[in-house]
Amino acid sequence: MAPLGLERRPLALDSWTVSTSPIIQRLAQLRFQGTLTAAEATAQGATLVATSHGAETAADHIQLALLVDAQGVVRSARYTTTASGELLALYDGMSELTIGQPLAGLGTITPRQAANLLCNAAGGADGGIVLGADADVPFYVLTKAAERGLGKAPAESASLAGDGSAVLPWSEVGLFEKVRRIEGVLDQHVRPALASDGGGMDLVDLKADELFVQYHGACGSCSSSIGGTLQFVQDSLNNHLGTALQVKVSGVDEAGPDFIH
């Protein structure tokens, strides 16, 4: 790899790419697909920050790797993904937007900003990019990367309870305590969001790292609603508990992301 430095550079545009949809143009010139290794980070005096979002078989699955310098600024970005079409192009634009940004600012980058970047690179043409309801919601994979890089994500280690007593790590507590902690995260971070849409969630069973839940109310009869929130539930639990739980709802297929139509 080249010496550590900002990777953002102007795209070489010819008359064909300028007159073509920004999505088609970026798909023909994907710039950030690939991986980064710990060895590359060490060689460049950087820190490797890696995270992922979405189930491995989901349409929006992405694995993101960043090289961050001593000042906390992103100098390189690479990703692998199952996405295609508009989402793939937006992920590439998202990765470009991280270059030169401090880790703390990654959680503000949205699909709309990525779409604007693609359009500007195509000479200002809008290309008919249609964004969905989540267009202004920051990419969650970037929020996770920022939390991990800044050391804010929970770790599998002892912490302190509200009364100052030690809290045992997840691997050292029994089923009852695990369920109690899961219910606490659901009550604080998940159920209020579901309730605002007229739905709810019940914990059905916990088998090793597989958590089975049941939706009810407005959430219980709509597969798209279930698919749209399942990853949010899983990420909320794993981020707050320092776990690797897989949240499952029997007989429901996961839906794709809602920031494109």
C-alpha atoms as a PDB file:
ATOM      1  CA  MET A   1       0.000   0.000   0.000  1.00  0.00           C
ATOM      2  CA  ALA A   2       0.986   3.618  -0.445  1.00  0.00           C
ATOM      3  CA  PRO A   3       2.368   5.531   2.570  1.00  0.00           C
ATOM      4  CA  LEU A   4      -0.246   6.587   5.060  1.00  0.00           C
ATOM      5  CA  GLY A   5      -2.116   9.602   3.718  1.00  0.00           C
ATOM      6  CA  LEU A   6      -5.490  10.835   2.629  1.00  0.00           C
ATOM      7  CA  GLU A   7      -6.856   8.569  -0.081  1.00  0.00           C
ATOM      8  CA  ARG A   8      -9.593  10.857  -1.378  1.00  0.00           C
ATOM      9  CA  ARG A   9      -8.771  11.952  -4.900  1.00  0.00           C
ATOM     10  CA  PRO A  10     -10.728  13.236  -7.916  1.00  0.00           C
ATOM     11  CA  LEU A  11     -12.250  10.624 -10.150  1.00  0.00           C
ATOM     12  CA  ALA A  12     -11.080  10.607 -13.745  1.00  0.00           C
ATOM     13  CA  LEU A  13     -14.293  11.329 -15.644  1.00  0.00           C
ATOM     14  CA  ASP A  14     -14.768  11.013 -19.368  1.00  0.00           C
ATOM     15  CA  SER A  15     -17.808  11.981 -21.442  1.00  0.00           C
ATOM     16  CA  TRP A  16     -19.384   8.557 -20.986  1.00  0.00           C
ATOM     17  CA  THR A  17     -19.248   8.487 -17.174  1.00  0.00           C
ATOM     18  CA  VAL A  18     -20.367  12.109 -16.804  1.00  0.00           C
ATOM     19  CA  SER A  19     -23.487  11.471 -18.850  1.00  0.00           C
ATOM     20  CA  THR A  20     -24.325   8.266 -17.017  1.00  0.00           C
ATOM     21  CA  SER A  21     -26.163   7.683 -13.760  1.00  0.00           C
ATOM     22  CA  PRO A  22     -23.972   8.346 -10.693  1.00  0.00           C
ATOM     23  CA  ILE A  23     -24.807   4.840  -9.505  1.00  0.00           C
ATOM     24  CA  ILE A  24     -23.635   3.229 -12.746  1.00  0.00           C
ATOM     25  CA  GLN A  25     -20.531   5.395 -12.726  1.00  0.00           C
ATOM     26  CA  ARG A  26     -19.552   4.412  -9.204  1.00  0.00           C
ATOM     27  CA  LEU A  27     -20.303   0.736  -9.784  1.00  0.00           C
ATOM     28  CA  ALA A  28     -17.899   0.864 -12.712  1.00  0.00           C
ATOM     29  CA  GLN A  29     -15.237   2.510 -10.536  1.00  0.00           C
ATOM     30  CA  LEU A  30     -15.609   1.060  -7.051  1.00  0.00           C
ATOM     31  CA  ARG A  31     -12.669   2.424  -5.074  1.00  0.00           C
ATOM     32  CA  PHE A  32     -12.910   1.058  -1.553  1.00  0.00           C
ATOM     33  CA  GLN A  33     -13.775  -2.628  -1.850  1.00  0.00           C
ATOM     34  CA  GLY A  34     -11.261  -4.901  -0.162  1.00  0.00           C
ATOM     35  CA  THR A  35      -9.738  -5.557   3.231  1.00  0.00           C
ATOM     36  CA  LEU A  36      -7.163  -4.062   5.558  1.00  0.00           C
ATOM     37  CA  THR A  37      -4.947  -6.074   7.892  1.00  0.00           C
ATOM     38  CA  ALA A  38      -3.322  -5.556  11.259  1.00  0.00           C
ATOM     39  CA  ALA A  39       0.055  -5.902   9.534  1.00  0.00           C
ATOM     40  CA  GLU A  40      -0.775  -3.005   7.222  1.00  0.00           C
ATOM     41  CA  ALA A  41      -1.871  -0.926  10.187  1.00  0.00           C
ATOM     42  CA  THR A  42       1.375  -1.634  12.050  1.00  0.00           C
ATOM     43  CA  ALA A  43       3.481  -0.845   9.004  1.00  0.00           C
ATOM     44  CA  GLN A  44       1.793   2.535   8.672  1.00  0.00           C
ATOM     45  CA  GLY A  45       1.753   3.397  12.374  1.00  0.00           C
ATOM     46  CA  ALA A  46      -2.013   3.262  12.417  1.00  0.00           C
ATOM     47  CA  THR A  47      -4.726   1.462  14.365  1.00  0.00           C
ATOM     48  CA  LEU A  48      -7.010  -1.019  12.637  1.00  0.00           C
ATOM     49  CA  VAL A  49     -10.694  -0.573  13.493  1.00  0.00           C
ATOM     50  CA  ALA A  50     -12.930  -3.310  12.089  1.00  0.00           C
ATOM     51  CA  THR A  51     -16.633  -3.888  12.504  1.00  0.00           C
ATOM     52  CA  SER A  52     -19.634  -5.238  10.632  1.00  0.00           C
ATOM     53  CA  HIS A  53     -23.346  -4.703  10.260  1.00  0.00           C
ATOM     54  CA  GLY A  54     -26.151  -7.006   9.195  1.00  0.00           C
ATOM     55  CA  ALA A  55     -26.471 -10.756   9.161  1.00  0.00           C
ATOM     56  CA  GLU A  56     -24.046 -12.453   6.780  1.00  0.00           C
ATOM     57  CA  THR A  57     -26.885 -13.442   4.448  1.00  0.00           C
ATOM     58  CA  ALA A  58     -28.724 -10.123   4.648  1.00  0.00           C
ATOM     59  CA  ALA A  59     -28.919  -7.773   1.662  1.00  0.00           C
ATOM     60  CA  ASP A  60     -27.211  -4.968   3.600  1.00  0.00           C
ATOM     61  CA  HIS A  61     -24.400  -6.977   5.227  1.00  0.00           C
ATOM     62  CA  ILE A  62     -21.094  -5.082   5.297  1.00  0.00           C
ATOM     63  CA  GLN A  63     -17.703  -5.612   6.918  1.00  0.00           C
ATOM     64  CA  LEU A  64     -15.806  -2.362   7.310  1.00  0.00           C
ATOM     65  CA  ALA A  65     -12.122  -1.844   8.115  1.00  0.00           C
ATOM     66  CA  LEU A  66     -10.513   1.527   8.842  1.00  0.00           C
ATOM     67  CA  LEU A  67      -6.935   2.640   9.429  1.00  0.00           C
ATOM     68  CA  VAL A  68      -6.855   5.426  12.009  1.00  0.00           C
ATOM     69  CA  ASP A  69      -3.782   7.553  12.706  1.00  0.00           C
ATOM     70  CA  ALA A  70      -2.464   8.691  16.088  1.00  0.00           C
ATOM     71  CA  GLN A  71      -4.662  11.800  15.949  1.00  0.00           C
ATOM     72  CA  GLY A  72      -7.800   9.692  15.593  1.00  0.00           C
ATOM     73  CA  VAL A  73      -8.317  10.543  11.919  1.00  0.00           C
ATOM     74  CA  VAL A  74      -9.373   7.931   9.348  1.00  0.00           C
ATOM     75  CA  ARG A  75      -6.691   7.551   6.676  1.00  0.00           C
ATOM     76  CA  SER A  76      -7.874   4.474   4.809  1.00  0.00           C
ATOM     77  CA  ALA A  77     -11.113   2.521   4.445  1.00  0.00           C
ATOM     78  CA  ARG A  78     -12.028  -0.813   2.894  1.00  0.00           C
ATOM     79  CA  TYR A  79     -15.187  -2.913   2.941  1.00  0.00           C
ATOM     80  CA  THR A  80     -16.656  -6.195   1.761  1.00  0.00           C
ATOM     81  CA  THR A  81     -20.389  -6.603   1.340  1.00  0.00           C
ATOM     82  CA  THR A  82     -23.184  -8.736  -0.048  1.00  0.00           C
ATOM     83  CA  ALA A  83     -24.890  -5.589  -1.332  1.00  0.00           C
ATOM     84  CA  SER A  84     -25.386  -4.780  -4.995  1.00  0.00           C
ATOM     85  CA  GLY A  85     -26.737  -1.951  -7.129  1.00  0.00           C
ATOM     86  CA  GLU A  86     -27.519   1.342  -5.422  1.00  0.00           C
ATOM     87  CA  LEU A  87     -26.636   0.071  -1.952  1.00  0.00           C
ATOM     88  CA  LEU A  88     -23.210  -1.098  -3.099  1.00  0.00           C
ATOM     89  CA  ALA A  89     -22.540   2.298  -4.684  1.00  0.00           C
ATOM     90  CA  LEU A  90     -23.703   4.077  -1.517  1.00  0.00           C
ATOM     91  CA  TYR A  91     -21.412   1.921   0.641  1.00  0.00           C
ATOM     92  CA  ASP A  92     -18.515   2.924  -1.590  1.00  0.00           C
ATOM     93  CA  GLY A  93     -19.471   6.597  -1.248  1.00  0.00           C
ATOM     94  CA  MET A  94     -19.861   6.145   2.508  1.00  0.00           C
ATOM     95  CA  SER A  95     -16.331   4.750   2.718  1.00  0.00           C
ATOM     96  CA  GLU A  96     -14.966   7.705   0.779  1.00  0.00           C
ATOM     97  CA  LEU A  97     -16.659  10.113   3.166  1.00  0.00           C
ATOM     98  CA  THR A  98     -14.791   8.587   6.117  1.00  0.00           C
ATOM     99  CA  ILE A  99     -11.383   9.563   4.729  1.00  0.00           C
ATOM    100  CA  GLY A 100      -9.949  12.519   6.625  1.00  0.00           C
ATOM    101  CA  GLN A 101     -12.699  12.414   9.235  1.00  0.00           C
ATOM    102  CA  PRO A 102     -12.123  11.975  12.976  1.00  0.00           C
ATOM    103  CA  LEU A 103     -13.545   8.797  14.448  1.00  0.00           C
ATOM    104  CA  ALA A 104     -15.902  10.825  16.602  1.00  0.00           C
ATOM    105  CA  GLY A 105     -17.503  12.308  13.486  1.00  0.00           C
ATOM    106  CA  LEU A 106     -18.263   9.075  11.655  1.00  0.00           C
ATOM    107  CA  GLY A 107     -21.634   8.710  13.349  1.00  0.00           C
ATOM    108  CA  THR A 108     -22.972  11.706  11.440  1.00  0.00           C
ATOM    109  CA  ILE A 109     -22.462  10.337   7.904  1.00  0.00           C
ATOM    110  CA  THR A 110     -25.775   9.469   6.237  1.00  0.00           C
ATOM    111  CA  PRO A 111     -26.956   7.760   3.032  1.00  0.00           C
ATOM    112  CA  ARG A 112     -28.073  11.165   1.722  1.00  0.00           C
ATOM    113  CA  GLN A 113     -24.536  12.496   2.080  1.00  0.00           C
ATOM    114  CA  ALA A 114     -23.176   9.445   0.264  1.00  0.00           C
ATOM    115  CA  ALA A 115     -25.719   9.952  -2.538  1.00  0.00           C
ATOM    116  CA  ASN A 116     -24.756  13.633  -2.821  1.00  0.00           C
ATOM    117  CA  LEU A 117     -21.102  12.623  -3.086  1.00  0.00           C
ATOM    118  CA  LEU A 118     -21.885  10.264  -5.955  1.00  0.00           C
ATOM    119  CA  CYS A 119     -23.922  12.917  -7.732  1.00  0.00           C
ATOM    120  CA  ASN A 120     -21.202  15.541  -7.348  1.00  0.00           C
ATOM    121  CA  ALA A 121     -18.625  13.111  -8.703  1.00  0.00           C
ATOM    122  CA  ALA A 122     -20.867  12.677 -11.745  1.00  0.00           C
ATOM    123  CA  GLY A 123     -20.886  16.382 -12.481  1.00  0.00           C
ATOM    124  CA  GLY A 124     -23.933  17.231 -10.395  1.00  0.00           C
ATOM    125  CA  ALA A 125     -26.384  14.880 -12.094  1.00  0.00           C
ATOM    126  CA  ASP A 126     -28.962  13.454  -9.672  1.00  0.00           C
ATOM    127  CA  GLY A 127     -29.182  10.209 -11.662  1.00  0.00           C
ATOM    128  CA  GLY A 128     -32.589   9.389 -10.199  1.00  0.00           C
ATOM    129  CA  ILE A 129     -31.233   8.165  -6.863  1.00  0.00           C
ATOM    130  CA  VAL A 130     -34.326   7.579  -4.721  1.00  0.00           C
ATOM    131  CA  LEU A 131     -33.673   7.398  -0.993  1.00  0.00           C
ATOM    132  CA  GLY A 132     -36.000   5.885   1.559  1.00  0.00           C
ATOM    133  CA  ALA A 133     -37.140   6.861   5.032  1.00  0.00           C
ATOM    134  CA  ASP A 134     -33.703   6.241   6.577  1.00  0.00           C
ATOM    135  CA  ALA A 135     -31.867   8.590   4.204  1.00  0.00           C
ATOM    136  CA  ASP A 136     -30.881  10.949   7.018  1.00  0.00           C
ATOM    137  CA  VAL A 137     -30.156   8.251   9.591  1.00  0.00           C
ATOM    138  CA  PRO A 138     -26.371   7.771   9.996  1.00  0.00           C
ATOM    139  CA  PHE A 139     -24.921   4.510   8.717  1.00  0.00           C
ATOM    140  CA  TYR A 140     -25.023   2.255  11.747  1.00  0.00           C
ATOM    141  CA  VAL A 141     -21.823   0.463  10.757  1.00  0.00           C
ATOM    142  CA  LEU A 142     -20.012   3.810  11.097  1.00  0.00           C
ATOM    143  CA  THR A 143     -21.552   4.440  14.503  1.00  0.00           C
ATOM    144  CA  LYS A 144     -20.318   1.021  15.602  1.00  0.00           C
ATOM    145  CA  ALA A 145     -16.856   1.685  14.172  1.00  0.00           C
ATOM    146  CA  ALA A 146     -16.626   4.990  16.031  1.00  0.00           C
ATOM    147  CA  GLU A 147     -17.702   3.395  19.306  1.00  0.00           C
ATOM    148  CA  ARG A 148     -15.215   0.570  18.885  1.00  0.00           C
ATOM    149  CA  GLY A 149     -12.370   2.862  17.895  1.00  0.00           C
ATOM    150  CA  LEU A 150     -13.026   5.245  20.766  1.00  0.00           C
ATOM    151  CA  GLY A 151     -13.379   2.425  23.272  1.00  0.00           C
ATOM    152  CA  LYS A 152     -17.017   3.160  24.061  1.00  0.00           C
ATOM    153  CA  ALA A 153     -18.424  -0.219  23.112  1.00  0.00           C
ATOM    154  CA  PRO A 154     -18.976  -2.624  26.030  1.00  0.00           C
ATOM    155  CA  ALA A 155     -16.335  -5.284  26.436  1.00  0.00           C
ATOM    156  CA  GLU A 156     -16.398  -8.774  27.896  1.00  0.00           C
ATOM    157  CA  SER A 157     -14.949  -7.661  31.212  1.00  0.00           C
ATOM    158  CA  ALA A 158     -16.100  -6.804  34.691  1.00  0.00           C
ATOM    159  CA  SER A 159     -17.710  -3.400  35.188  1.00  0.00           C
ATOM    160  CA  LEU A 160     -19.401  -1.655  38.077  1.00  0.00           C
ATOM    161  CA  ALA A 161     -23.061  -1.719  39.043  1.00  0.00           C
ATOM    162  CA  GLY A 162     -24.894   1.359  40.203  1.00  0.00           C
ATOM    163  CA  ASP A 163     -23.986   0.614  43.816  1.00  0.00           C
ATOM    164  CA  GLY A 164     -20.290   0.315  42.961  1.00  0.00           C
ATOM    165  CA  SER A 165     -20.186  -3.479  43.232  1.00  0.00           C
ATOM    166  CA  ALA A 166     -18.474  -5.545  40.561  1.00  0.00           C
ATOM    167  CA  VAL A 167     -20.638  -6.878  37.744  1.00  0.00           C
ATOM    168  CA  LEU A 168     -19.547 -10.291  36.533  1.00  0.00           C
ATOM    169  CA  PRO A 169     -18.837 -10.665  32.814  1.00  0.00           C
ATOM    170  CA  TRP A 170     -21.484 -12.322  30.661  1.00  0.00           C
ATOM    171  CA  SER A 171     -19.622 -15.618  30.419  1.00  0.00           C
ATOM    172  CA  GLU A 172     -19.612 -16.008  34.202  1.00  0.00           C
ATOM    173  CA  VAL A 173     -23.302 -15.449  34.996  1.00  0.00           C
ATOM    174  CA  GLY A 174     -26.200 -17.888  34.935  1.00  0.00           C
ATOM    175  CA  LEU A 175     -29.288 -17.992  32.762  1.00  0.00           C
ATOM    176  CA  PHE A 176     -31.431 -15.964  35.153  1.00  0.00           C
ATOM    177  CA  GLU A 177     -28.941 -13.079  35.241  1.00  0.00           C
ATOM    178  CA  LYS A 178     -28.490 -13.188  31.463  1.00  0.00           C
ATOM    179  CA  VAL A 179     -32.236 -12.934  30.955  1.00  0.00           C
ATOM    180  CA  ARG A 180     -32.416 -10.075  33.456  1.00  0.00           C
ATOM    181  CA  ARG A 181     -29.738  -8.137  31.571  1.00  0.00           C
ATOM    182  CA  ILE A 182     -31.394  -8.814  28.215  1.00  0.00           C
ATOM    183  CA  GLU A 183     -34.749  -7.635  29.539  1.00  0.00           C
ATOM    184  CA  GLY A 184     -33.090  -4.486  30.860  1.00  0.00           C
ATOM    185  CA  VAL A 185     -31.691  -3.570  27.442  1.00  0.00           C
ATOM    186  CA  LEU A 186     -34.991  -4.386  25.740  1.00  0.00           C
ATOM    187  CA  ASP A 187     -36.909  -2.228  28.226  1.00  0.00           C
ATOM    188  CA  GLN A 188     -34.577   0.741  27.880  1.00  0.00           C
ATOM    189  CA  HIS A 189     -33.516   0.710  24.242  1.00  0.00           C
ATOM    190  CA  VAL A 190     -35.849  -1.477  22.173  1.00  0.00           C
ATOM    191  CA  ARG A 191     -39.402  -1.663  23.503  1.00  0.00           C
ATOM    192  CA  PRO A 192     -39.976   2.121  23.624  1.00  0.00           C
ATOM    193  CA  ALA A 193     -39.176   2.329  19.902  1.00  0.00           C
ATOM    194  CA  LEU A 194     -41.495  -0.569  19.103  1.00  0.00           C
ATOM    195  CA  ALA A 195     -44.248   0.870  21.285  1.00  0.00           C
ATOM    196  CA  SER A 196     -44.154   4.144  19.357  1.00  0.00           C
ATOM    197  CA  ASP A 197     -45.276   2.137  16.305  1.00  0.00           C
ATOM    198  CA  GLY A 198     -47.917   0.210  18.225  1.00  0.00           C
ATOM    199  CA  GLY A 199     -45.895  -2.968  18.692  1.00  0.00           C
ATOM    200  CA  GLY A 200     -43.899  -4.871  21.253  1.00  0.00           C
ATOM    201  CA  MET A 201     -41.548  -7.767  21.849  1.00  0.00           C
ATOM    202  CA  ASP A 202     -41.365 -10.728  24.218  1.00  0.00           C
ATOM    203  CA  LEU A 203     -38.333 -12.846  25.050  1.00  0.00           C
ATOM    204  CA  VAL A 204     -39.173 -16.491  24.298  1.00  0.00           C
ATOM    205  CA  ASP A 205     -35.988 -18.474  24.904  1.00  0.00           C
ATOM    206  CA  LEU A 206     -32.214 -18.220  25.222  1.00  0.00           C
ATOM    207  CA  LYS A 207     -30.121 -21.138  24.010  1.00  0.00           C
ATOM    208  CA  ALA A 208     -26.373 -20.474  24.187  1.00  0.00           C
ATOM    209  CA  ASP A 209     -25.909 -17.417  21.943  1.00  0.00           C
ATOM    210  CA  GLU A 210     -29.271 -17.762  20.209  1.00  0.00           C
ATOM    211  CA  LEU A 211     -32.017 -15.507  21.531  1.00  0.00           C
ATOM    212  CA  PHE A 212     -35.559 -16.204  20.359  1.00  0.00           C
ATOM    213  CA  VAL A 213     -38.068 -13.370  20.499  1.00  0.00           C
ATOM    214  CA  GLN A 214     -41.685 -12.846  19.493  1.00  0.00           C
ATOM    215  CA  TYR A 215     -43.163  -9.648  18.112  1.00  0.00           C
ATOM    216  CA  HIS A 216     -46.742  -8.650  18.861  1.00  0.00           C
ATOM    217  CA  GLY A 217     -49.141  -5.835  18.100  1.00  0.00           C
ATOM    218  CA  ALA A 218     -48.359  -3.858  14.959  1.00  0.00           C
ATOM    219  CA  CYS A 219     -44.998  -5.624  14.668  1.00  0.00           C
ATOM    220  CA  GLY A 220     -46.338  -9.146  14.823  1.00  0.00           C
ATOM    221  CA  SER A 221     -48.090  -9.420  11.479  1.00  0.00           C
ATOM    222  CA  CYS A 222     -45.772  -7.487   9.172  1.00  0.00           C
ATOM    223  CA  SER A 223     -42.678  -9.322   7.959  1.00  0.00           C
ATOM    224  CA  SER A 224     -41.133  -6.097   6.661  1.00  0.00           C
ATOM    225  CA  SER A 225     -41.465  -4.453  10.076  1.00  0.00           C
ATOM    226  CA  ILE A 226     -39.899  -7.472  11.757  1.00  0.00           C
ATOM    227  CA  GLY A 227     -37.035  -7.611   9.294  1.00  0.00           C
ATOM    228  CA  GLY A 228     -36.447  -3.896   9.586  1.00  0.00           C
ATOM    229  CA  THR A 229     -35.999  -4.020  13.365  1.00  0.00           C
ATOM    230  CA  LEU A 230     -34.374  -7.417  13.941  1.00  0.00           C
ATOM    231  CA  GLN A 231     -30.822  -6.223  13.279  1.00  0.00           C
ATOM    232  CA  PHE A 232     -31.414  -3.138  15.427  1.00  0.00           C
ATOM    233  CA  VAL A 233     -32.466  -5.391  18.309  1.00  0.00           C
ATOM    234  CA  GLN A 234     -29.451  -7.655  17.886  1.00  0.00           C
ATOM    235  CA  ASP A 235     -26.985  -4.775  17.639  1.00  0.00           C
ATOM    236  CA  SER A 236     -28.525  -3.013  20.647  1.00  0.00           C
ATOM    237  CA  LEU A 237     -28.163  -6.116  22.803  1.00  0.00           C
ATOM    238  CA  ASN A 238     -24.633  -6.951  21.672  1.00  0.00           C
ATOM    239  CA  ASN A 239     -23.384  -3.372  21.977  1.00  0.00           C
ATOM    240  CA  HIS A 240     -24.790  -2.884  25.477  1.00  0.00           C
ATOM    241  CA  LEU A 241     -24.044  -6.361  26.836  1.00  0.00           C
ATOM    242  CA  GLY A 242     -20.712  -7.077  25.125  1.00  0.00           C
ATOM    243  CA  THR A 243     -22.127 -10.283  23.663  1.00  0.00           C
ATOM    244  CA  ALA A 244     -22.398 -12.037  20.316  1.00  0.00           C
ATOM    245  CA  LEU A 245     -26.078 -12.938  20.488  1.00  0.00           C
ATOM    246  CA  GLN A 246     -27.993 -13.971  17.394  1.00  0.00           C
ATOM    247  CA  VAL A 247     -31.587 -12.784  17.631  1.00  0.00           C
ATOM    248  CA  LYS A 248     -34.064 -14.955  15.772  1.00  0.00           C
ATOM    249  CA  VAL A 249     -37.758 -14.817  14.958  1.00  0.00           C
ATOM    250  CA  SER A 250     -39.134 -18.092  13.678  1.00  0.00           C
ATOM    251  CA  GLY A 251     -40.538 -18.105  10.175  1.00  0.00           C
ATOM    252  CA  VAL A 252     -39.708 -14.493   9.295  1.00  0.00           C
ATOM    253  CA  ASP A 253     -37.333 -13.393   6.580  1.00  0.00           C
ATOM    254  CA  GLU A 254     -35.126 -10.367   7.098  1.00  0.00           C
ATOM    255  CA  ALA A 255     -35.872  -7.308   4.990  1.00  0.00           C
ATOM    256  CA  GLY A 256     -33.343  -5.116   3.241  1.00  0.00           C
ATOM    257  CA  PRO A 257     -32.362  -1.591   4.303  1.00  0.00           C
ATOM    258  CA  ASP A 258     -34.871   1.272   3.981  1.00  0.00           C
ATOM    259  CA  PHE A 259     -32.584   4.049   2.853  1.00  0.00           C
ATOM    260  CA  ILE A 260     -33.085   3.086  -0.792  1.00  0.00           C
ATOM    261  CA  HIS A 261     -36.246   2.169  -2.681  1.00  0.00           C
END
